[in-house]
Amino acid sequence: MQIFKVIGNVTLSRSHASYTGARLLATVPVGASVMGGPEPIDPDLVVVWDDLGAGSESLIAVADGAEAAQPFRPQPKAVDAYNSAILDEVQFAPEVVKTVRWSP
């Protein structure tokens, strides 16, 4: 599970039937920046399936890979990233953050 920031919506002009009614978000990973570390350099855009209604600029927890398709079982869906939580706030213990070594 990783933390991503919503930067927009994705609209499909044509799609597979299993995507009917789907809400897709354009997101980028926030990486260590959520803890005060460096911002990701040129992060990849990730399209995330959203059933929770996350808005623009929201921080979300994203399950990816095989775990992303699990909420849809037994119906198969071609999903590689799923919004599993909308994060209101993220807190870390200051003493733990001070010990983190940020890689360049």
N, C-alpha and C. Protein backbone atom coordinates (compact mmCIF):
# COMPACT_ATOMS: atom_id res chain seq x y z
N MET A 1 0.85 -1.15 0.00
CA MET A 1 0.00 0.00 0.00
C MET A 1 0.90 1.23 0.00
N GLN A 2 0.52 2.21 -0.81
CA GLN A 2 1.28 3.44 -0.93
C GLN A 2 0.34 4.64 -0.83
N ILE A 3 0.91 5.81 -0.56
CA ILE A 3 0.12 7.03 -0.50
C ILE A 3 0.27 7.80 -1.80
N PHE A 4 -0.87 8.19 -2.38
CA PHE A 4 -0.89 8.94 -3.63
C PHE A 4 -1.70 10.22 -3.45
N LYS A 5 -1.46 11.19 -4.32
CA LYS A 5 -2.21 12.43 -4.34
C LYS A 5 -3.05 12.48 -5.61
N VAL A 6 -4.33 12.81 -5.47
CA VAL A 6 -5.22 12.90 -6.63
C VAL A 6 -4.95 14.22 -7.35
N ILE A 7 -4.69 14.13 -8.67
CA ILE A 7 -4.45 15.34 -9.44
C ILE A 7 -5.53 15.57 -10.50
N GLY A 8 -6.47 14.63 -10.65
CA GLY A 8 -7.54 14.82 -11.61
C GLY A 8 -8.35 13.56 -11.83
N ASN A 9 -9.27 13.63 -12.77
CA ASN A 9 -10.11 12.49 -13.15
C ASN A 9 -9.68 11.96 -14.50
N VAL A 10 -10.02 10.71 -14.78
CA VAL A 10 -9.74 10.09 -16.08
C VAL A 10 -11.08 9.78 -16.73
N THR A 11 -11.24 10.20 -17.98
CA THR A 11 -12.45 9.93 -18.74
C THR A 11 -12.10 9.05 -19.92
N LEU A 12 -12.84 7.96 -20.09
CA LEU A 12 -12.60 7.04 -21.20
C LEU A 12 -13.69 7.24 -22.25
N SER A 13 -13.29 7.37 -23.50
CA SER A 13 -14.29 7.49 -24.55
C SER A 13 -14.81 6.11 -24.96
N ARG A 14 -13.95 5.11 -24.83
CA ARG A 14 -14.34 3.71 -25.07
C ARG A 14 -13.67 2.86 -24.00
N SER A 15 -14.37 1.85 -23.54
CA SER A 15 -13.78 1.01 -22.50
C SER A 15 -14.40 -0.38 -22.52
N HIS A 16 -13.79 -1.27 -21.79
CA HIS A 16 -14.30 -2.61 -21.60
C HIS A 16 -15.61 -2.53 -20.82
N ALA A 17 -16.51 -3.45 -21.06
CA ALA A 17 -17.82 -3.45 -20.39
C ALA A 17 -17.70 -3.47 -18.86
N SER A 18 -16.66 -4.08 -18.33
CA SER A 18 -16.51 -4.15 -16.88
C SER A 18 -16.19 -2.79 -16.26
N TYR A 19 -15.87 -1.79 -17.09
CA TYR A 19 -15.58 -0.44 -16.59
C TYR A 19 -16.81 0.46 -16.59
N THR A 20 -17.96 -0.06 -16.96
CA THR A 20 -19.19 0.74 -16.97
C THR A 20 -19.47 1.27 -15.56
N GLY A 21 -19.61 2.57 -15.44
CA GLY A 21 -19.88 3.19 -14.15
C GLY A 21 -18.65 3.40 -13.29
N ALA A 22 -17.49 3.06 -13.79
CA ALA A 22 -16.26 3.20 -13.01
C ALA A 22 -15.88 4.66 -12.84
N ARG A 23 -15.26 4.98 -11.72
CA ARG A 23 -14.69 6.30 -11.49
C ARG A 23 -13.18 6.12 -11.39
N LEU A 24 -12.47 6.75 -12.32
CA LEU A 24 -11.02 6.61 -12.38
C LEU A 24 -10.35 7.93 -12.04
N LEU A 25 -9.27 7.85 -11.26
CA LEU A 25 -8.55 9.04 -10.83
C LEU A 25 -7.15 9.06 -11.40
N ALA A 26 -6.69 10.25 -11.75
CA ALA A 26 -5.29 10.46 -12.12
C ALA A 26 -4.56 10.82 -10.83
N THR A 27 -3.51 10.05 -10.49
CA THR A 27 -2.80 10.25 -9.23
C THR A 27 -1.29 10.20 -9.44
N VAL A 28 -0.57 10.71 -8.46
CA VAL A 28 0.89 10.60 -8.44
C VAL A 28 1.30 10.16 -7.04
N PRO A 29 2.37 9.36 -6.92
CA PRO A 29 2.83 8.94 -5.60
C PRO A 29 3.47 10.13 -4.87
N VAL A 30 3.24 10.21 -3.56
CA VAL A 30 3.85 11.29 -2.80
C VAL A 30 5.16 10.87 -2.16
N GLY A 31 5.39 9.57 -2.05
CA GLY A 31 6.66 9.08 -1.51
C GLY A 31 6.95 9.62 -0.13
N ALA A 32 8.21 9.95 0.11
CA ALA A 32 8.65 10.41 1.42
C ALA A 32 8.23 11.84 1.73
N SER A 33 7.70 12.56 0.74
CA SER A 33 7.33 13.96 0.97
C SER A 33 6.23 14.09 2.01
N VAL A 34 5.43 13.05 2.20
CA VAL A 34 4.37 13.10 3.20
C VAL A 34 4.96 13.17 4.62
N MET A 35 6.23 12.76 4.78
CA MET A 35 6.90 12.82 6.08
C MET A 35 7.91 13.96 6.14
N GLY A 36 7.87 14.87 5.16
CA GLY A 36 8.82 15.98 5.17
C GLY A 36 10.08 15.68 4.38
N GLY A 37 10.11 14.56 3.70
CA GLY A 37 11.27 14.20 2.88
C GLY A 37 11.20 14.86 1.52
N PRO A 38 12.09 14.47 0.63
CA PRO A 38 12.12 15.09 -0.71
C PRO A 38 10.91 14.69 -1.55
N GLU A 39 10.48 15.62 -2.42
CA GLU A 39 9.40 15.34 -3.37
C GLU A 39 9.91 14.36 -4.41
N PRO A 40 9.07 13.45 -4.91
CA PRO A 40 9.49 12.56 -5.99
C PRO A 40 9.86 13.38 -7.23
N ILE A 41 10.92 12.99 -7.90
CA ILE A 41 11.35 13.67 -9.12
C ILE A 41 10.65 13.02 -10.30
N ASP A 42 9.88 13.82 -11.03
CA ASP A 42 9.16 13.36 -12.22
C ASP A 42 8.38 12.06 -11.95
N PRO A 43 7.40 12.11 -11.01
CA PRO A 43 6.65 10.89 -10.68
C PRO A 43 5.76 10.42 -11.83
N ASP A 44 5.56 9.13 -11.93
CA ASP A 44 4.69 8.56 -12.96
C ASP A 44 3.23 8.76 -12.58
N LEU A 45 2.40 9.05 -13.56
CA LEU A 45 0.96 9.14 -13.36
C LEU A 45 0.41 7.72 -13.22
N VAL A 46 -0.44 7.51 -12.23
CA VAL A 46 -1.06 6.21 -12.01
C VAL A 46 -2.57 6.39 -12.02
N VAL A 47 -3.26 5.59 -12.83
CA VAL A 47 -4.72 5.63 -12.88
C VAL A 47 -5.24 4.66 -11.82
N VAL A 48 -6.12 5.18 -10.94
CA VAL A 48 -6.60 4.43 -9.79
C VAL A 48 -8.13 4.32 -9.86
N TRP A 49 -8.65 3.11 -9.63
CA TRP A 49 -10.09 2.87 -9.56
C TRP A 49 -10.57 3.41 -8.21
N ASP A 50 -11.64 4.23 -8.23
CA ASP A 50 -12.11 4.86 -6.99
C ASP A 50 -13.59 4.59 -6.77
N ASP A 51 -13.91 3.89 -5.69
CA ASP A 51 -15.30 3.68 -5.27
C ASP A 51 -15.66 4.54 -4.07
N LEU A 52 -14.68 5.31 -3.55
CA LEU A 52 -14.89 6.04 -2.30
C LEU A 52 -15.21 7.51 -2.50
N GLY A 53 -14.97 8.06 -3.68
CA GLY A 53 -15.30 9.45 -3.95
C GLY A 53 -14.24 10.45 -3.55
N ALA A 54 -12.97 10.11 -3.73
CA ALA A 54 -11.89 11.04 -3.40
C ALA A 54 -11.93 12.25 -4.33
N GLY A 55 -11.64 13.42 -3.77
CA GLY A 55 -11.64 14.64 -4.55
C GLY A 55 -10.24 15.05 -4.97
N SER A 56 -10.18 16.09 -5.78
CA SER A 56 -8.90 16.61 -6.24
C SER A 56 -8.06 17.05 -5.04
N GLU A 57 -6.77 16.78 -5.11
CA GLU A 57 -5.79 17.11 -4.06
C GLU A 57 -5.88 16.20 -2.84
N SER A 58 -6.79 15.23 -2.82
CA SER A 58 -6.89 14.30 -1.69
C SER A 58 -5.68 13.38 -1.63
N LEU A 59 -5.32 13.00 -0.42
CA LEU A 59 -4.33 11.94 -0.22
C LEU A 59 -5.11 10.65 -0.06
N ILE A 60 -4.68 9.61 -0.79
CA ILE A 60 -5.38 8.33 -0.73
C ILE A 60 -4.38 7.20 -0.54
N ALA A 61 -4.84 6.12 0.08
CA ALA A 61 -4.05 4.90 0.22
C ALA A 61 -4.42 4.00 -0.95
N VAL A 62 -3.41 3.54 -1.68
CA VAL A 62 -3.64 2.78 -2.90
C VAL A 62 -3.05 1.38 -2.78
N ALA A 63 -3.90 0.39 -3.03
CA ALA A 63 -3.44 -0.99 -3.16
C ALA A 63 -3.17 -1.22 -4.64
N ASP A 64 -2.06 -1.86 -4.94
CA ASP A 64 -1.75 -2.09 -6.35
C ASP A 64 -1.38 -3.54 -6.59
N GLY A 65 -1.26 -3.89 -7.85
CA GLY A 65 -0.94 -5.27 -8.21
C GLY A 65 -2.15 -6.17 -8.02
N ALA A 66 -1.91 -7.42 -7.69
CA ALA A 66 -2.99 -8.41 -7.56
C ALA A 66 -4.00 -8.02 -6.48
N GLU A 67 -3.54 -7.34 -5.42
CA GLU A 67 -4.45 -6.93 -4.34
C GLU A 67 -5.50 -5.94 -4.82
N ALA A 68 -5.20 -5.18 -5.86
CA ALA A 68 -6.12 -4.16 -6.35
C ALA A 68 -7.40 -4.76 -6.91
N ALA A 69 -7.34 -5.97 -7.44
CA ALA A 69 -8.52 -6.61 -8.03
C ALA A 69 -9.37 -7.36 -7.01
N GLN A 70 -8.88 -7.54 -5.80
CA GLN A 70 -9.58 -8.34 -4.80
C GLN A 70 -10.96 -7.81 -4.41
N PRO A 71 -11.18 -6.48 -4.32
CA PRO A 71 -12.52 -6.02 -3.94
C PRO A 71 -13.62 -6.40 -4.93
N PHE A 72 -13.25 -6.79 -6.12
CA PHE A 72 -14.24 -7.10 -7.16
C PHE A 72 -14.56 -8.58 -7.28
N ARG A 73 -13.88 -9.41 -6.51
CA ARG A 73 -14.11 -10.85 -6.62
C ARG A 73 -15.56 -11.18 -6.36
N PRO A 74 -16.17 -12.11 -7.04
CA PRO A 74 -15.63 -13.05 -8.01
C PRO A 74 -15.61 -12.51 -9.44
N GLN A 75 -16.08 -11.27 -9.68
CA GLN A 75 -16.04 -10.73 -11.04
C GLN A 75 -14.62 -10.26 -11.35
N PRO A 76 -14.07 -10.71 -12.47
CA PRO A 76 -12.72 -10.24 -12.83
C PRO A 76 -12.76 -8.82 -13.39
N LYS A 77 -11.82 -8.00 -12.98
CA LYS A 77 -11.68 -6.64 -13.50
C LYS A 77 -10.21 -6.41 -13.81
N ALA A 78 -9.97 -5.67 -14.87
CA ALA A 78 -8.59 -5.33 -15.26
C ALA A 78 -8.17 -4.09 -14.49
N VAL A 79 -7.86 -4.27 -13.22
CA VAL A 79 -7.50 -3.16 -12.35
C VAL A 79 -6.12 -3.41 -11.77
N ASP A 80 -5.27 -2.38 -11.83
CA ASP A 80 -3.93 -2.52 -11.27
C ASP A 80 -3.72 -1.63 -10.05
N ALA A 81 -4.64 -0.67 -9.79
CA ALA A 81 -4.52 0.20 -8.63
C ALA A 81 -5.93 0.56 -8.14
N TYR A 82 -6.14 0.43 -6.83
CA TYR A 82 -7.47 0.63 -6.23
C TYR A 82 -7.35 1.55 -5.02
N ASN A 83 -8.23 2.56 -4.95
CA ASN A 83 -8.26 3.45 -3.80
C ASN A 83 -8.91 2.72 -2.63
N SER A 84 -8.13 2.40 -1.63
CA SER A 84 -8.66 1.65 -0.50
C SER A 84 -8.97 2.54 0.71
N ALA A 85 -8.53 3.82 0.69
CA ALA A 85 -8.83 4.72 1.81
C ALA A 85 -8.55 6.16 1.40
N ILE A 86 -9.39 7.08 1.90
CA ILE A 86 -9.13 8.51 1.77
C ILE A 86 -8.52 8.94 3.09
N LEU A 87 -7.35 9.56 3.04
CA LEU A 87 -6.62 9.92 4.26
C LEU A 87 -6.92 11.36 4.66
N ASP A 88 -7.53 11.56 5.81
CA ASP A 88 -7.80 12.90 6.31
C ASP A 88 -6.53 13.57 6.79
N GLU A 89 -5.69 12.81 7.46
CA GLU A 89 -4.40 13.33 7.89
C GLU A 89 -3.45 12.16 8.09
N VAL A 90 -2.17 12.47 8.00
CA VAL A 90 -1.13 11.46 8.17
C VAL A 90 -0.23 11.93 9.30
N GLN A 91 -0.03 11.09 10.31
CA GLN A 91 0.80 11.45 11.46
C GLN A 91 1.92 10.44 11.62
N PHE A 92 3.09 10.95 11.96
CA PHE A 92 4.24 10.11 12.24
C PHE A 92 4.87 10.58 13.54
N ALA A 93 5.48 9.67 14.25
CA ALA A 93 6.18 10.03 15.47
C ALA A 93 7.45 10.81 15.10
N PRO A 94 7.64 12.03 15.62
CA PRO A 94 8.80 12.85 15.25
C PRO A 94 10.13 12.15 15.48
N GLU A 95 10.21 11.36 16.54
CA GLU A 95 11.48 10.68 16.83
C GLU A 95 11.81 9.63 15.77
N VAL A 96 10.79 9.07 15.14
CA VAL A 96 11.01 8.09 14.08
C VAL A 96 11.43 8.80 12.80
N VAL A 97 10.77 9.91 12.47
CA VAL A 97 11.08 10.65 11.24
C VAL A 97 12.51 11.16 11.28
N LYS A 98 12.99 11.58 12.46
CA LYS A 98 14.37 12.08 12.58
C LYS A 98 15.40 11.02 12.25
N THR A 99 15.05 9.75 12.40
CA THR A 99 16.02 8.68 12.14
C THR A 99 16.04 8.22 10.69
N VAL A 100 15.10 8.72 9.87
CA VAL A 100 15.01 8.28 8.47
C VAL A 100 16.13 8.93 7.67
N ARG A 101 16.78 8.12 6.84
CA ARG A 101 17.82 8.64 5.93
C ARG A 101 17.20 8.69 4.55
N TRP A 102 17.04 9.90 4.02
CA TRP A 102 16.42 10.08 2.71
C TRP A 102 17.43 9.79 1.63
N SER A 103 17.06 8.91 0.71
CA SER A 103 17.96 8.61 -0.42
C SER A 103 17.71 9.64 -1.52
N PRO A 104 18.76 10.01 -2.26
CA PRO A 104 18.63 11.05 -3.30
C PRO A 104 17.79 10.62 -4.46
